[in-house]
Amino acid sequence: MRIISFNANGIRSATEKGFFRWFHKQDAEVLCLQETKAQEDQLHERRYRPKGYHRFLCDARSKKGYSGVAIFCRREPSEVRRVLGYADFDDEGRYIEARFGDLSVVSLYLPSGSSSDERQQFKFECMRWFTSVLDEWQASGRRYILCGDWNIVHTRRDIKNWTANQKNSGCLPEERAWLDLLFQERGWVDSYRRLRPMGEDYTWWSQRGAARAKNVGWRIDYQVVSPNLGPQLRDCAIAATPKFSDHAPYTVDYDVDVS
């Protein structure tokens, strides 16, 4: 099974840049999108509905044209969930989950704190709350694949300018310590780091200062899997080119069948 995760920074913009033409060549079972930045009634055209895929959206209710996540899948899920129970998070359209038997695939968009201290505090609160959600999911015994933009780098290998960003949102010690908690203590698995222990690839580049051309990037897009799926990881790839947004699609192949 192949799953692609991609922060589109606007599904309409990414489509204009050829994203779905690229996607059709990837032979993926599931596509998880983040930052769709559109309401469902704005996406009725055929170009936003790839042939052969079911489409499920979760739009931001608090602010139109903001955030938003989606899942496209070949097999119709047995259930789709869009609410986790934290209203401030849910209203921003940051979570959608498709269930296939005992397998859950989640498209997730965790908040950024770069715009203000208020948003950084919201990010910290979401991290604390989401830890309990992850604990519940792990205790359930279900298999989970969490695809999305987590807006946090984990290690020095995940960011080009490590030292210069220690006080910037996304690379703060408290944020990275939270990923330590999830990966090292709770047992959740960073698919890329499991498959590429020494890798230094990035999934996001600032749109200022020719950062992408110079490969001055951050790896903030993940497919995080529950411990019971770690052995099923087979391969991964980050498609830095062609450019569809300021993020790159991240693909993981699993030894799992949902067809």
C-alpha atoms as a PDB file:
ATOM      1  CA  MET A   1       0.000   0.000   0.000  1.00  0.00           C
ATOM      2  CA  ARG A   2       1.298   3.430  -0.970  1.00  0.00           C
ATOM      3  CA  ILE A   3       0.215   6.559   0.906  1.00  0.00           C
ATOM      4  CA  ILE A   4       1.100  10.140  -0.035  1.00  0.00           C
ATOM      5  CA  SER A   5       0.912  13.077   2.362  1.00  0.00           C
ATOM      6  CA  PHE A   6       1.073  16.633   1.050  1.00  0.00           C
ATOM      7  CA  ASN A   7       0.509  20.135   2.403  1.00  0.00           C
ATOM      8  CA  ALA A   8      -0.914  21.773  -0.708  1.00  0.00           C
ATOM      9  CA  ASN A   9      -0.953  25.347   0.648  1.00  0.00           C
ATOM     10  CA  GLY A  10      -4.191  25.680  -1.292  1.00  0.00           C
ATOM     11  CA  ILE A  11      -5.632  22.758  -3.247  1.00  0.00           C
ATOM     12  CA  ARG A  12      -6.720  25.043  -6.082  1.00  0.00           C
ATOM     13  CA  SER A  13      -3.253  26.548  -6.408  1.00  0.00           C
ATOM     14  CA  ALA A  14      -1.549  23.133  -6.301  1.00  0.00           C
ATOM     15  CA  THR A  15      -3.964  21.794  -8.916  1.00  0.00           C
ATOM     16  CA  GLU A  16      -3.152  24.681 -11.241  1.00  0.00           C
ATOM     17  CA  LYS A  17       0.527  23.768 -10.848  1.00  0.00           C
ATOM     18  CA  GLY A  18      -0.141  20.183 -11.963  1.00  0.00           C
ATOM     19  CA  PHE A  19      -0.336  18.312  -8.665  1.00  0.00           C
ATOM     20  CA  PHE A  20      -3.135  15.926  -9.639  1.00  0.00           C
ATOM     21  CA  ARG A  21      -1.483  15.183 -12.985  1.00  0.00           C
ATOM     22  CA  TRP A  22       1.587  14.136 -10.985  1.00  0.00           C
ATOM     23  CA  PHE A  23      -0.517  12.235  -8.464  1.00  0.00           C
ATOM     24  CA  HIS A  24      -2.187  10.096 -11.161  1.00  0.00           C
ATOM     25  CA  LYS A  25       1.237   8.640 -12.014  1.00  0.00           C
ATOM     26  CA  GLN A  26       2.072   7.616  -8.432  1.00  0.00           C
ATOM     27  CA  ASP A  27      -0.187   4.544  -8.044  1.00  0.00           C
ATOM     28  CA  ALA A  28      -1.138   5.491  -4.476  1.00  0.00           C
ATOM     29  CA  GLU A  29      -3.930   3.883  -2.484  1.00  0.00           C
ATOM     30  CA  VAL A  30      -4.451   6.938  -0.280  1.00  0.00           C
ATOM     31  CA  LEU A  31      -3.693  10.650  -0.525  1.00  0.00           C
ATOM     32  CA  CYS A  32      -3.794  12.860   2.574  1.00  0.00           C
ATOM     33  CA  LEU A  33      -3.887  16.614   1.953  1.00  0.00           C
ATOM     34  CA  GLN A  34      -3.441  19.475   4.382  1.00  0.00           C
ATOM     35  CA  GLU A  35      -4.116  23.189   3.981  1.00  0.00           C
ATOM     36  CA  THR A  36      -6.731  22.766   1.294  1.00  0.00           C
ATOM     37  CA  LYS A  37      -7.762  26.402   1.946  1.00  0.00           C
ATOM     38  CA  ALA A  38     -11.169  25.882   0.342  1.00  0.00           C
ATOM     39  CA  GLN A  39     -14.730  24.962   1.228  1.00  0.00           C
ATOM     40  CA  GLU A  40     -16.264  21.848  -0.298  1.00  0.00           C
ATOM     41  CA  ASP A  41     -18.670  23.859  -2.448  1.00  0.00           C
ATOM     42  CA  GLN A  42     -15.647  25.478  -4.129  1.00  0.00           C
ATOM     43  CA  LEU A  43     -14.269  22.100  -5.242  1.00  0.00           C
ATOM     44  CA  HIS A  44     -17.069  20.669  -7.369  1.00  0.00           C
ATOM     45  CA  GLU A  45     -15.079  20.638 -10.630  1.00  0.00           C
ATOM     46  CA  ARG A  46     -13.815  17.334 -11.979  1.00  0.00           C
ATOM     47  CA  ARG A  47     -10.160  18.370 -11.677  1.00  0.00           C
ATOM     48  CA  TYR A  48     -10.535  18.286  -7.885  1.00  0.00           C
ATOM     49  CA  ARG A  49     -11.982  14.753  -8.011  1.00  0.00           C
ATOM     50  CA  PRO A  50      -9.289  12.347  -9.262  1.00  0.00           C
ATOM     51  CA  LYS A  51     -10.799   9.450 -11.179  1.00  0.00           C
ATOM     52  CA  GLY A  52     -10.948   6.213  -9.218  1.00  0.00           C
ATOM     53  CA  TYR A  53     -10.801   7.838  -5.774  1.00  0.00           C
ATOM     54  CA  HIS A  54     -13.339   8.567  -3.072  1.00  0.00           C
ATOM     55  CA  ARG A  55     -12.948  12.073  -1.636  1.00  0.00           C
ATOM     56  CA  PHE A  56     -13.556  13.212   1.931  1.00  0.00           C
ATOM     57  CA  LEU A  57     -13.005  16.763   3.174  1.00  0.00           C
ATOM     58  CA  CYS A  58     -12.923  18.551   6.499  1.00  0.00           C
ATOM     59  CA  ASP A  59     -13.134  22.306   5.999  1.00  0.00           C
ATOM     60  CA  ALA A  60     -12.346  25.039   8.496  1.00  0.00           C
ATOM     61  CA  ARG A  61     -15.569  26.262  10.100  1.00  0.00           C
ATOM     62  CA  SER A  62     -14.035  29.158  12.016  1.00  0.00           C
ATOM     63  CA  LYS A  63     -12.520  30.902   8.988  1.00  0.00           C
ATOM     64  CA  LYS A  64     -13.202  30.296   5.305  1.00  0.00           C
ATOM     65  CA  GLY A  65     -10.211  29.780   3.026  1.00  0.00           C
ATOM     66  CA  TYR A  66      -8.082  28.620   5.963  1.00  0.00           C
ATOM     67  CA  SER A  67      -6.522  25.307   6.919  1.00  0.00           C
ATOM     68  CA  GLY A  68      -8.628  22.287   5.865  1.00  0.00           C
ATOM     69  CA  VAL A  69      -7.681  18.639   5.373  1.00  0.00           C
ATOM     70  CA  ALA A  70      -8.752  15.895   2.976  1.00  0.00           C
ATOM     71  CA  ILE A  71      -8.390  12.195   2.224  1.00  0.00           C
ATOM     72  CA  PHE A  72      -8.633  10.611  -1.235  1.00  0.00           C
ATOM     73  CA  CYS A  73      -8.737   6.795  -1.294  1.00  0.00           C
ATOM     74  CA  ARG A  74      -9.354   4.041  -3.805  1.00  0.00           C
ATOM     75  CA  ARG A  75     -11.267   1.852  -1.356  1.00  0.00           C
ATOM     76  CA  GLU A  76     -14.309   3.343   0.332  1.00  0.00           C
ATOM     77  CA  PRO A  77     -13.709   3.510   4.095  1.00  0.00           C
ATOM     78  CA  SER A  78     -15.986   1.825   6.576  1.00  0.00           C
ATOM     79  CA  GLU A  79     -16.099   5.084   8.548  1.00  0.00           C
ATOM     80  CA  VAL A  80     -14.873   8.691   8.270  1.00  0.00           C
ATOM     81  CA  ARG A  81     -14.343  10.883  11.330  1.00  0.00           C
ATOM     82  CA  ARG A  82     -13.847  14.657  11.404  1.00  0.00           C
ATOM     83  CA  VAL A  83     -14.103  15.582  15.089  1.00  0.00           C
ATOM     84  CA  LEU A  84     -11.689  14.837  17.941  1.00  0.00           C
ATOM     85  CA  GLY A  85     -13.518  16.715  20.689  1.00  0.00           C
ATOM     86  CA  TYR A  86     -11.434  19.871  21.128  1.00  0.00           C
ATOM     87  CA  ALA A  87     -13.610  22.554  19.557  1.00  0.00           C
ATOM     88  CA  ASP A  88     -10.896  25.148  18.911  1.00  0.00           C
ATOM     89  CA  PHE A  89      -8.887  22.508  17.020  1.00  0.00           C
ATOM     90  CA  ASP A  90     -11.822  20.862  15.249  1.00  0.00           C
ATOM     91  CA  ASP A  91     -13.272  24.173  14.044  1.00  0.00           C
ATOM     92  CA  GLU A  92     -10.039  24.951  12.192  1.00  0.00           C
ATOM     93  CA  GLY A  93     -10.372  21.831  10.001  1.00  0.00           C
ATOM     94  CA  ARG A  94      -7.232  20.052  11.146  1.00  0.00           C
ATOM     95  CA  TYR A  95      -8.240  16.375  11.357  1.00  0.00           C
ATOM     96  CA  ILE A  96      -9.930  13.750   9.226  1.00  0.00           C
ATOM     97  CA  GLU A  97      -9.674   9.987   9.702  1.00  0.00           C
ATOM     98  CA  ALA A  98     -10.623   7.203   7.295  1.00  0.00           C
ATOM     99  CA  ARG A  99     -11.093   3.734   8.774  1.00  0.00           C
ATOM    100  CA  PHE A 100     -10.483   0.534   6.815  1.00  0.00           C
ATOM    101  CA  GLY A 101     -11.186  -2.350   9.154  1.00  0.00           C
ATOM    102  CA  ASP A 102      -8.693  -2.052  12.025  1.00  0.00           C
ATOM    103  CA  LEU A 103      -6.516   0.422  10.063  1.00  0.00           C
ATOM    104  CA  SER A 104      -6.947   4.180  10.480  1.00  0.00           C
ATOM    105  CA  VAL A 105      -5.397   6.693   8.091  1.00  0.00           C
ATOM    106  CA  VAL A 106      -5.422  10.258   9.416  1.00  0.00           C
ATOM    107  CA  SER A 107      -4.769  13.518   7.600  1.00  0.00           C
ATOM    108  CA  LEU A 108      -3.519  15.909  10.271  1.00  0.00           C
ATOM    109  CA  TYR A 109      -2.516  19.551  10.286  1.00  0.00           C
ATOM    110  CA  LEU A 110      -1.046  20.691  13.599  1.00  0.00           C
ATOM    111  CA  PRO A 111      -0.943  24.447  14.272  1.00  0.00           C
ATOM    112  CA  SER A 112       1.982  26.713  13.563  1.00  0.00           C
ATOM    113  CA  GLY A 113       3.083  29.189  16.208  1.00  0.00           C
ATOM    114  CA  SER A 114       5.130  31.435  13.962  1.00  0.00           C
ATOM    115  CA  SER A 115       2.577  34.223  13.540  1.00  0.00           C
ATOM    116  CA  SER A 116       2.203  35.275  17.190  1.00  0.00           C
ATOM    117  CA  ASP A 117       2.776  34.269  20.787  1.00  0.00           C
ATOM    118  CA  GLU A 118      -0.957  33.611  21.097  1.00  0.00           C
ATOM    119  CA  ARG A 119      -0.783  31.020  18.309  1.00  0.00           C
ATOM    120  CA  GLN A 120       2.342  29.493  19.851  1.00  0.00           C
ATOM    121  CA  GLN A 121       0.480  29.023  23.121  1.00  0.00           C
ATOM    122  CA  PHE A 122      -2.394  27.422  21.213  1.00  0.00           C
ATOM    123  CA  LYS A 123       0.138  25.112  19.584  1.00  0.00           C
ATOM    124  CA  PHE A 124       1.512  24.088  22.981  1.00  0.00           C
ATOM    125  CA  GLU A 125      -2.014  23.434  24.255  1.00  0.00           C
ATOM    126  CA  CYS A 126      -2.784  21.283  21.192  1.00  0.00           C
ATOM    127  CA  MET A 127       0.402  19.298  21.782  1.00  0.00           C
ATOM    128  CA  ARG A 128      -0.570  18.574  25.403  1.00  0.00           C
ATOM    129  CA  TRP A 129      -4.109  17.609  24.461  1.00  0.00           C
ATOM    130  CA  PHE A 130      -3.087  15.516  21.446  1.00  0.00           C
ATOM    131  CA  THR A 131      -0.745  13.430  23.607  1.00  0.00           C
ATOM    132  CA  SER A 132      -3.771  11.991  25.417  1.00  0.00           C
ATOM    133  CA  VAL A 133      -5.483  11.346  22.084  1.00  0.00           C
ATOM    134  CA  LEU A 134      -2.443   9.410  20.883  1.00  0.00           C
ATOM    135  CA  ASP A 135      -2.352   7.421  24.115  1.00  0.00           C
ATOM    136  CA  GLU A 136      -6.009   6.456  23.614  1.00  0.00           C
ATOM    137  CA  TRP A 137      -5.392   5.463  20.019  1.00  0.00           C
ATOM    138  CA  GLN A 138      -2.411   3.326  20.941  1.00  0.00           C
ATOM    139  CA  ALA A 139      -4.309   1.618  23.763  1.00  0.00           C
ATOM    140  CA  SER A 140      -7.144   0.758  21.363  1.00  0.00           C
ATOM    141  CA  GLY A 141      -4.970  -1.734  19.496  1.00  0.00           C
ATOM    142  CA  ARG A 142      -5.924  -0.235  16.130  1.00  0.00           C
ATOM    143  CA  ARG A 143      -3.247   0.415  13.525  1.00  0.00           C
ATOM    144  CA  TYR A 144      -2.726   4.116  12.881  1.00  0.00           C
ATOM    145  CA  ILE A 145      -0.987   6.067  10.116  1.00  0.00           C
ATOM    146  CA  LEU A 146      -0.882   9.791  10.890  1.00  0.00           C
ATOM    147  CA  CYS A 147      -0.076  11.782   7.759  1.00  0.00           C
ATOM    148  CA  GLY A 148       0.514  15.468   7.761  1.00  0.00           C
ATOM    149  CA  ASP A 149       2.215  18.699   8.561  1.00  0.00           C
ATOM    150  CA  TRP A 150       3.259  18.656  12.239  1.00  0.00           C
ATOM    151  CA  ASN A 151       5.039  22.047  12.021  1.00  0.00           C
ATOM    152  CA  ILE A 152       7.948  20.722  14.130  1.00  0.00           C
ATOM    153  CA  VAL A 153      11.397  19.443  13.222  1.00  0.00           C
ATOM    154  CA  HIS A 154      12.793  16.725  15.459  1.00  0.00           C
ATOM    155  CA  THR A 155      16.565  16.553  15.129  1.00  0.00           C
ATOM    156  CA  ARG A 156      19.531  18.412  13.721  1.00  0.00           C
ATOM    157  CA  ARG A 157      19.276  16.295  10.561  1.00  0.00           C
ATOM    158  CA  ASP A 158      15.769  17.631   9.929  1.00  0.00           C
ATOM    159  CA  ILE A 159      16.674  21.280   9.398  1.00  0.00           C
ATOM    160  CA  LYS A 160      19.431  23.033   7.480  1.00  0.00           C
ATOM    161  CA  ASN A 161      20.039  25.909   9.894  1.00  0.00           C
ATOM    162  CA  TRP A 162      19.777  24.199  13.281  1.00  0.00           C
ATOM    163  CA  THR A 163      21.554  26.751  15.475  1.00  0.00           C
ATOM    164  CA  ALA A 164      19.925  29.832  13.970  1.00  0.00           C
ATOM    165  CA  ASN A 165      16.405  28.462  14.532  1.00  0.00           C
ATOM    166  CA  GLN A 166      16.587  27.376  18.171  1.00  0.00           C
ATOM    167  CA  LYS A 167      14.294  30.253  19.223  1.00  0.00           C
ATOM    168  CA  ASN A 168      11.895  29.953  16.306  1.00  0.00           C
ATOM    169  CA  SER A 169       8.559  28.166  16.319  1.00  0.00           C
ATOM    170  CA  GLY A 170       8.909  24.702  14.839  1.00  0.00           C
ATOM    171  CA  CYS A 171      12.384  24.167  16.278  1.00  0.00           C
ATOM    172  CA  LEU A 172      11.838  25.165  19.910  1.00  0.00           C
ATOM    173  CA  PRO A 173      13.317  22.806  22.531  1.00  0.00           C
ATOM    174  CA  GLU A 174       9.839  22.262  24.048  1.00  0.00           C
ATOM    175  CA  GLU A 175       8.440  21.209  20.678  1.00  0.00           C
ATOM    176  CA  ARG A 176      11.269  18.825  19.913  1.00  0.00           C
ATOM    177  CA  ALA A 177      11.036  17.357  23.430  1.00  0.00           C
ATOM    178  CA  TRP A 178       7.402  16.557  22.690  1.00  0.00           C
ATOM    179  CA  LEU A 179       8.459  14.509  19.662  1.00  0.00           C
ATOM    180  CA  ASP A 180      11.040  12.787  21.878  1.00  0.00           C
ATOM    181  CA  LEU A 181       8.170  11.833  24.175  1.00  0.00           C
ATOM    182  CA  LEU A 182       6.102  10.412  21.327  1.00  0.00           C
ATOM    183  CA  PHE A 183       8.879   8.600  19.479  1.00  0.00           C
ATOM    184  CA  GLN A 184      11.160   7.478  22.285  1.00  0.00           C
ATOM    185  CA  GLU A 185       8.811   6.967  25.230  1.00  0.00           C
ATOM    186  CA  ARG A 186       5.403   6.289  23.676  1.00  0.00           C
ATOM    187  CA  GLY A 187       6.781   4.211  20.803  1.00  0.00           C
ATOM    188  CA  TRP A 188       5.197   6.033  17.864  1.00  0.00           C
ATOM    189  CA  VAL A 189       7.353   5.670  14.756  1.00  0.00           C
ATOM    190  CA  ASP A 190       8.622   8.414  12.451  1.00  0.00           C
ATOM    191  CA  SER A 191       8.510   6.492   9.169  1.00  0.00           C
ATOM    192  CA  TYR A 192      11.154   8.591   7.447  1.00  0.00           C
ATOM    193  CA  ARG A 193      13.664   8.323  10.289  1.00  0.00           C
ATOM    194  CA  ARG A 194      13.042   4.564  10.625  1.00  0.00           C
ATOM    195  CA  LEU A 195      13.678   4.065   6.911  1.00  0.00           C
ATOM    196  CA  ARG A 196      16.397   6.729   6.476  1.00  0.00           C
ATOM    197  CA  PRO A 197      18.318   6.816   9.802  1.00  0.00           C
ATOM    198  CA  MET A 198      20.985   9.166   8.429  1.00  0.00           C
ATOM    199  CA  GLY A 199      18.782  11.043   5.963  1.00  0.00           C
ATOM    200  CA  GLU A 200      18.891  14.825   5.701  1.00  0.00           C
ATOM    201  CA  ASP A 201      15.951  15.531   3.406  1.00  0.00           C
ATOM    202  CA  TYR A 202      13.433  18.335   3.814  1.00  0.00           C
ATOM    203  CA  THR A 203       9.728  18.773   3.080  1.00  0.00           C
ATOM    204  CA  TRP A 204       9.259  22.539   3.485  1.00  0.00           C
ATOM    205  CA  TRP A 205      11.198  25.608   2.372  1.00  0.00           C
ATOM    206  CA  SER A 206      10.550  29.274   3.100  1.00  0.00           C
ATOM    207  CA  GLN A 207       9.391  31.215   0.067  1.00  0.00           C
ATOM    208  CA  ARG A 208      11.900  33.951   0.903  1.00  0.00           C
ATOM    209  CA  GLY A 209      15.585  34.183   0.065  1.00  0.00           C
ATOM    210  CA  ALA A 210      15.747  31.402  -2.561  1.00  0.00           C
ATOM    211  CA  ALA A 211      15.558  28.854   0.276  1.00  0.00           C
ATOM    212  CA  ARG A 212      14.330  26.067  -1.978  1.00  0.00           C
ATOM    213  CA  ALA A 213      16.965  26.635  -4.641  1.00  0.00           C
ATOM    214  CA  LYS A 214      19.628  26.517  -1.924  1.00  0.00           C
ATOM    215  CA  ASN A 215      17.878  23.597  -0.167  1.00  0.00           C
ATOM    216  CA  VAL A 216      17.643  25.506   3.108  1.00  0.00           C
ATOM    217  CA  GLY A 217      14.704  23.494   4.374  1.00  0.00           C
ATOM    218  CA  TRP A 218      12.872  21.847   7.255  1.00  0.00           C
ATOM    219  CA  ARG A 219      11.400  18.347   7.537  1.00  0.00           C
ATOM    220  CA  ILE A 220       8.059  19.024   9.190  1.00  0.00           C
ATOM    221  CA  ASP A 221       5.786  16.689   7.191  1.00  0.00           C
ATOM    222  CA  TYR A 222       5.488  13.171   8.564  1.00  0.00           C
ATOM    223  CA  GLN A 223       3.831   9.818   8.319  1.00  0.00           C
ATOM    224  CA  VAL A 224       3.882   8.696  11.936  1.00  0.00           C
ATOM    225  CA  VAL A 225       2.716   5.144  12.590  1.00  0.00           C
ATOM    226  CA  SER A 226       1.635   3.252  15.667  1.00  0.00           C
ATOM    227  CA  PRO A 227       4.198   0.771  17.045  1.00  0.00           C
ATOM    228  CA  ASN A 228       2.276  -2.199  15.620  1.00  0.00           C
ATOM    229  CA  LEU A 229       2.839  -0.855  12.087  1.00  0.00           C
ATOM    230  CA  GLY A 230       6.571  -0.152  12.366  1.00  0.00           C
ATOM    231  CA  PRO A 231       7.565  -3.562  10.931  1.00  0.00           C
ATOM    232  CA  GLN A 232       5.361  -2.950   7.860  1.00  0.00           C
ATOM    233  CA  LEU A 233       7.348   0.083   6.646  1.00  0.00           C
ATOM    234  CA  ARG A 234       9.020  -0.658   3.315  1.00  0.00           C
ATOM    235  CA  ASP A 235      10.245   2.510   1.570  1.00  0.00           C
ATOM    236  CA  CYS A 236       9.727   6.263   1.394  1.00  0.00           C
ATOM    237  CA  ALA A 237      10.431   9.233  -0.869  1.00  0.00           C
ATOM    238  CA  ILE A 238      10.177  13.012  -0.735  1.00  0.00           C
ATOM    239  CA  ALA A 239       9.336  14.595  -4.095  1.00  0.00           C
ATOM    240  CA  ALA A 240      11.102  17.951  -3.874  1.00  0.00           C
ATOM    241  CA  THR A 241      10.440  18.491  -7.581  1.00  0.00           C
ATOM    242  CA  PRO A 242       8.302  19.435  -9.374  1.00  0.00           C
ATOM    243  CA  LYS A 243       7.121  22.244  -7.113  1.00  0.00           C
ATOM    244  CA  PHE A 244       3.410  22.323  -6.266  1.00  0.00           C
ATOM    245  CA  SER A 245       3.577  24.356  -3.031  1.00  0.00           C
ATOM    246  CA  ASP A 246       6.122  25.392  -0.418  1.00  0.00           C
ATOM    247  CA  HIS A 247       5.923  21.777   0.833  1.00  0.00           C
ATOM    248  CA  ALA A 248       6.886  18.562  -0.959  1.00  0.00           C
ATOM    249  CA  PRO A 249       4.744  15.405  -1.176  1.00  0.00           C
ATOM    250  CA  TYR A 250       5.959  12.617   1.110  1.00  0.00           C
ATOM    251  CA  THR A 251       5.309   9.012  -0.001  1.00  0.00           C
ATOM    252  CA  VAL A 252       5.543   5.842   2.095  1.00  0.00           C
ATOM    253  CA  ASP A 253       5.121   2.248   0.958  1.00  0.00           C
ATOM    254  CA  TYR A 254       3.700  -0.213   3.499  1.00  0.00           C
ATOM    255  CA  ASP A 255       3.403  -3.975   3.554  1.00  0.00           C
ATOM    256  CA  VAL A 256      -0.310  -3.560   4.258  1.00  0.00           C
ATOM    257  CA  ASP A 257      -3.271  -4.337   1.992  1.00  0.00           C
ATOM    258  CA  VAL A 258      -6.489  -2.301   2.106  1.00  0.00           C
ATOM    259  CA  SER A 259      -7.741  -3.203  -1.388  1.00  0.00           C
END
